[in-house]
C-alpha atoms as a PDB file:
ATOM      1  CA  MET A   1     235.526  33.455  36.238  1.00  0.00           C
ATOM      2  CA  LEU A   2     233.574  33.824  33.063  1.00  0.00           C
ATOM      3  CA  LYS A   3     230.931  36.413  33.002  1.00  0.00           C
ATOM      4  CA  THR A   4     228.151  35.772  30.474  1.00  0.00           C
ATOM      5  CA  PRO A   5     225.291  38.063  29.588  1.00  0.00           C
ATOM      6  CA  LEU A   6     222.976  35.921  31.788  1.00  0.00           C
ATOM      7  CA  GLY A   7     225.284  35.758  34.768  1.00  0.00           C
ATOM      8  CA  SER A   8     228.606  34.273  35.903  1.00  0.00           C
ATOM      9  CA  LEU A   9     229.562  30.704  35.217  1.00  0.00           C
ATOM     10  CA  TYR A  10     230.427  28.660  38.347  1.00  0.00           C
ATOM     11  CA  VAL A  11     231.840  25.179  38.423  1.00  0.00           C
ATOM     12  CA  TYR A  12     231.296  22.864  41.398  1.00  0.00           C
ATOM     13  CA  LEU A  13     232.975  19.608  42.329  1.00  0.00           C
ATOM     14  CA  ASN A  14     230.699  17.709  44.650  1.00  0.00           C
ATOM     15  CA  ASP A  15     228.927  21.032  45.474  1.00  0.00           C
ATOM     16  CA  LYS A  16     232.152  22.894  46.316  1.00  0.00           C
ATOM     17  CA  PRO A  17     233.313  25.650  43.940  1.00  0.00           C
ATOM     18  CA  ILE A  18     236.419  24.946  41.970  1.00  0.00           C
ATOM     19  CA  LYS A  19     238.659  26.870  39.570  1.00  0.00           C
ATOM     20  CA  TYR A  20     238.478  26.213  35.838  1.00  0.00           C
ATOM     21  CA  ASN A  21     240.424  27.270  32.761  1.00  0.00           C
ATOM     22  CA  ILE A  22     238.791  29.321  30.044  1.00  0.00           C
ATOM     23  CA  SER A  23     240.006  29.394  26.459  1.00  0.00           C
ATOM     24  CA  PRO A  24     238.410  31.422  23.689  1.00  0.00           C
ATOM     25  CA  LEU A  25     237.243  29.485  20.670  1.00  0.00           C
ATOM     26  CA  PRO A  26     236.693  30.659  17.101  1.00  0.00           C
ATOM     27  CA  LEU A  27     233.350  32.413  16.759  1.00  0.00           C
ATOM     28  CA  ARG A  28     232.609  30.506  13.609  1.00  0.00           C
ATOM     29  CA  PRO A  29     232.667  26.822  14.697  1.00  0.00           C
ATOM     30  CA  ILE A  30     232.373  25.524  11.143  1.00  0.00           C
ATOM     31  CA  ASP A  31     234.558  27.377   8.654  1.00  0.00           C
ATOM     32  CA  ILE A  32     232.514  26.403   5.594  1.00  0.00           C
ATOM     33  CA  CYS A  33     229.161  27.797   6.814  1.00  0.00           C
ATOM     34  CA  SER A  34     227.695  31.064   7.969  1.00  0.00           C
ATOM     35  CA  TYR A  35     227.134  30.034  11.618  1.00  0.00           C
ATOM     36  CA  GLU A  36     228.711  32.537  13.899  1.00  0.00           C
ATOM     37  CA  VAL A  37     228.189  33.511  17.501  1.00  0.00           C
ATOM     38  CA  ASP A  38     229.078  36.569  19.630  1.00  0.00           C
ATOM     39  CA  SER A  39     231.152  34.627  22.179  1.00  0.00           C
ATOM     40  CA  ARG A  40     232.469  31.116  22.473  1.00  0.00           C
ATOM     41  CA  TYR A  41     234.747  29.494  25.059  1.00  0.00           C
ATOM     42  CA  MET A  42     236.086  26.132  26.193  1.00  0.00           C
ATOM     43  CA  ILE A  43     235.852  25.451  29.916  1.00  0.00           C
ATOM     44  CA  GLU A  44     238.444  22.942  31.020  1.00  0.00           C
ATOM     45  CA  ILE A  45     238.680  21.073  34.357  1.00  0.00           C
ATOM     46  CA  ASP A  46     242.015  19.686  35.528  1.00  0.00           C
ATOM     47  CA  LYS A  47     241.649  15.909  35.523  1.00  0.00           C
ATOM     48  CA  SER A  48     243.828  15.493  38.523  1.00  0.00           C
ATOM     49  CA  GLN A  49     241.109  17.066  40.665  1.00  0.00           C
ATOM     50  CA  ILE A  50     238.577  14.279  40.048  1.00  0.00           C
ATOM     51  CA  ILE A  51     237.897  10.688  41.000  1.00  0.00           C
ATOM     52  CA  PRO A  52     235.216   8.192  39.949  1.00  0.00           C
ATOM     53  CA  GLY A  53     231.896   9.044  41.550  1.00  0.00           C
ATOM     54  CA  ASP A  54     232.498  12.818  41.579  1.00  0.00           C
ATOM     55  CA  ILE A  55     229.867  15.170  40.355  1.00  0.00           C
ATOM     56  CA  ILE A  56     230.842  18.312  38.423  1.00  0.00           C
ATOM     57  CA  LYS A  57     228.264  21.008  37.799  1.00  0.00           C
ATOM     58  CA  PHE A  58     228.635  23.879  35.274  1.00  0.00           C
ATOM     59  CA  CYS A  59     226.110  26.496  36.399  1.00  0.00           C
ATOM     60  CA  ILE A  60     225.056  29.895  35.133  1.00  0.00           C
ATOM     61  CA  ASP A  61     223.994  32.301  37.857  1.00  0.00           C
ATOM     62  CA  THR A  62     220.534  33.016  36.268  1.00  0.00           C
ATOM     63  CA  ASP A  63     216.849  32.596  37.075  1.00  0.00           C
ATOM     64  CA  ILE A  64     216.247  31.311  33.498  1.00  0.00           C
ATOM     65  CA  ILE A  65     215.583  27.582  33.448  1.00  0.00           C
ATOM     66  CA  ALA A  66     217.716  25.515  31.041  1.00  0.00           C
ATOM     67  CA  GLU A  67     216.049  23.458  28.293  1.00  0.00           C
ATOM     68  CA  GLU A  68     217.559  20.209  27.303  1.00  0.00           C
ATOM     69  CA  ASP A  69     218.965  19.791  23.717  1.00  0.00           C
ATOM     70  CA  GLY A  70     221.712  17.965  21.939  1.00  0.00           C
ATOM     71  CA  GLY A  71     222.035  14.912  19.796  1.00  0.00           C
ATOM     72  CA  ASP A  72     223.870  11.565  19.721  1.00  0.00           C
ATOM     73  CA  CYS A  73     226.338  11.931  22.683  1.00  0.00           C
ATOM     74  CA  LEU A  74     226.123  15.743  22.890  1.00  0.00           C
ATOM     75  CA  VAL A  75     224.153  17.154  25.805  1.00  0.00           C
ATOM     76  CA  GLU A  76     223.354  20.871  25.775  1.00  0.00           C
ATOM     77  CA  ALA A  77     221.714  23.181  28.241  1.00  0.00           C
ATOM     78  CA  MET A  78     219.976  25.911  26.259  1.00  0.00           C
ATOM     79  CA  PHE A  79     218.968  29.270  27.805  1.00  0.00           C
ATOM     80  CA  GLU A  80     216.844  31.802  25.916  1.00  0.00           C
ATOM     81  CA  CYS A  81     215.654  35.265  26.917  1.00  0.00           C
ATOM     82  CA  ASP A  82     214.261  38.151  24.978  1.00  0.00           C
ATOM     83  CA  ASP A  83     217.305  39.003  22.918  1.00  0.00           C
ATOM     84  CA  LEU A  84     219.863  36.372  23.816  1.00  0.00           C
ATOM     85  CA  PHE A  85     220.463  32.645  23.306  1.00  0.00           C
ATOM     86  CA  LEU A  86     223.146  30.829  25.323  1.00  0.00           C
ATOM     87  CA  ALA A  87     224.168  27.094  25.461  1.00  0.00           C
ATOM     88  CA  LEU A  88     226.465  24.916  27.506  1.00  0.00           C
ATOM     89  CA  GLY A  89     227.566  21.646  25.878  1.00  0.00           C
ATOM     90  CA  GLY A  90     229.330  18.470  26.843  1.00  0.00           C
ATOM     91  CA  TYR A  91     229.767  14.955  25.428  1.00  0.00           C
ATOM     92  CA  ASP A  92     229.104  11.652  27.126  1.00  0.00           C
ATOM     93  CA  ILE A  93     232.495  10.042  26.456  1.00  0.00           C
ATOM     94  CA  ASN A  94     232.740   6.293  26.070  1.00  0.00           C
ATOM     95  CA  ASN A  95     235.246   3.769  24.773  1.00  0.00           C
ATOM     96  CA  LYS A  96     232.904   2.430  22.012  1.00  0.00           C
ATOM     97  CA  ASP A  97     231.261   0.239  24.623  1.00  0.00           C
ATOM     98  CA  LYS A  98     228.244   1.239  26.744  1.00  0.00           C
ATOM     99  CA  ASN A  99     229.917  -0.274  29.845  1.00  0.00           C
ATOM    100  CA  ASN A 100     233.053   1.810  29.534  1.00  0.00           C
ATOM    101  CA  PHE A 101     231.758   5.348  29.965  1.00  0.00           C
ATOM    102  CA  ALA A 102     234.180   7.961  31.271  1.00  0.00           C
ATOM    103  CA  TYR A 103     231.473  10.397  32.329  1.00  0.00           C
ATOM    104  CA  TYR A 104     227.804  11.106  31.753  1.00  0.00           C
ATOM    105  CA  PHE A 105     226.325  14.535  31.184  1.00  0.00           C
ATOM    106  CA  SER A 106     222.770  15.706  32.005  1.00  0.00           C
ATOM    107  CA  VAL A 107     220.935  19.034  32.024  1.00  0.00           C
ATOM    108  CA  ILE A 108     220.158  20.594  35.356  1.00  0.00           C
ATOM    109  CA  LYS A 109     218.063  23.720  36.190  1.00  0.00           C
ATOM    110  CA  ASN A 110     220.835  26.213  35.541  1.00  0.00           C
ATOM    111  CA  GLY A 111     223.369  24.248  33.487  1.00  0.00           C
ATOM    112  CA  ILE A 112     224.845  20.797  33.068  1.00  0.00           C
ATOM    113  CA  LYS A 113     226.418  18.261  35.315  1.00  0.00           C
ATOM    114  CA  ALA A 114     228.948  15.502  34.618  1.00  0.00           C
ATOM    115  CA  GLU A 115     228.957  12.319  36.645  1.00  0.00           C
ATOM    116  CA  ILE A 116     232.464  10.823  36.603  1.00  0.00           C
ATOM    117  CA  ILE A 117     232.462   7.092  36.045  1.00  0.00           C
ATOM    118  CA  ASN A 118     235.962   5.930  34.987  1.00  0.00           C
ATOM    119  CA  LEU A 119     239.158   8.074  34.780  1.00  0.00           C
ATOM    120  CA  GLU A 120     240.842   5.493  32.532  1.00  0.00           C
ATOM    121  CA  TYR A 121     238.898   6.836  29.539  1.00  0.00           C
ATOM    122  CA  ILE A 122     239.242  10.536  30.366  1.00  0.00           C
ATOM    123  CA  GLN A 123     241.963  12.435  28.454  1.00  0.00           C
ATOM    124  CA  ASP A 124     240.360  15.831  29.258  1.00  0.00           C
ATOM    125  CA  LEU A 125     237.122  17.194  30.702  1.00  0.00           C
ATOM    126  CA  ASN A 126     235.851  20.055  28.519  1.00  0.00           C
ATOM    127  CA  VAL A 127     232.513  21.878  28.195  1.00  0.00           C
ATOM    128  CA  ALA A 128     231.865  24.535  25.569  1.00  0.00           C
ATOM    129  CA  ILE A 129     229.790  27.673  26.122  1.00  0.00           C
ATOM    130  CA  ALA A 130     228.479  30.032  23.454  1.00  0.00           C
ATOM    131  CA  TRP A 131     225.999  32.804  23.083  1.00  0.00           C
ATOM    132  CA  SER A 132     224.488  34.975  20.456  1.00  0.00           C
ATOM    133  CA  TYR A 133     222.084  37.890  20.389  1.00  0.00           C
ATOM    134  CA  THR A 134     218.879  36.966  18.547  1.00  0.00           C
ATOM    135  CA  ASP A 135     219.049  39.737  16.009  1.00  0.00           C
ATOM    136  CA  LYS A 136     221.189  37.458  13.901  1.00  0.00           C
ATOM    137  CA  GLU A 137     219.945  34.932  11.262  1.00  0.00           C
ATOM    138  CA  ASP A 138     220.093  31.228  12.409  1.00  0.00           C
ATOM    139  CA  TYR A 139     221.186  32.287  15.963  1.00  0.00           C
ATOM    140  CA  TYR A 140     219.699  29.040  17.443  1.00  0.00           C
ATOM    141  CA  THR A 141     221.677  26.777  15.027  1.00  0.00           C
ATOM    142  CA  SER A 142     224.788  28.872  15.417  1.00  0.00           C
ATOM    143  CA  VAL A 143     224.791  28.572  19.179  1.00  0.00           C
ATOM    144  CA  TRP A 144     223.873  24.844  19.034  1.00  0.00           C
ATOM    145  CA  PHE A 145     226.962  24.157  16.872  1.00  0.00           C
ATOM    146  CA  ALA A 146     229.213  26.545  18.876  1.00  0.00           C
ATOM    147  CA  ALA A 147     228.396  24.879  22.241  1.00  0.00           C
ATOM    148  CA  ASP A 148     229.744  21.559  20.885  1.00  0.00           C
ATOM    149  CA  PRO A 149     233.225  21.144  22.499  1.00  0.00           C
ATOM    150  CA  TYR A 150     234.444  19.035  19.606  1.00  0.00           C
ATOM    151  CA  VAL A 151     233.547  21.309  16.685  1.00  0.00           C
END
């Protein structure tokens, strides 16, 4: 289980806790810039555990309410407290056709959830998490980029 500065990360499949894999990611998501975070991980769910109609929730055990952010197909839950900024990010994956979505992400109170639509288009199900202490320059932008699972 991943322990973040705000609390532990839990993953639920249809409201039942499941195991997930954690892989560290580079702290500088874009090599050619100065954006860097304190911690960054990929959270991976085993595709064989899911079927269409399933709901997967990625939740931080915190009382801080997530704010919605992102862009294009990226959906991010952003958490901010006095000296820390944390984000969870996932992509709505589609097959270049609005009717062929694999899954749909949305922000919930303490994280994000994925609604599984079609396994045919799912190669993997990944969410990125990153955090940075706010004493750094551009901490917001750094965390925003670092919580993108495809950067």
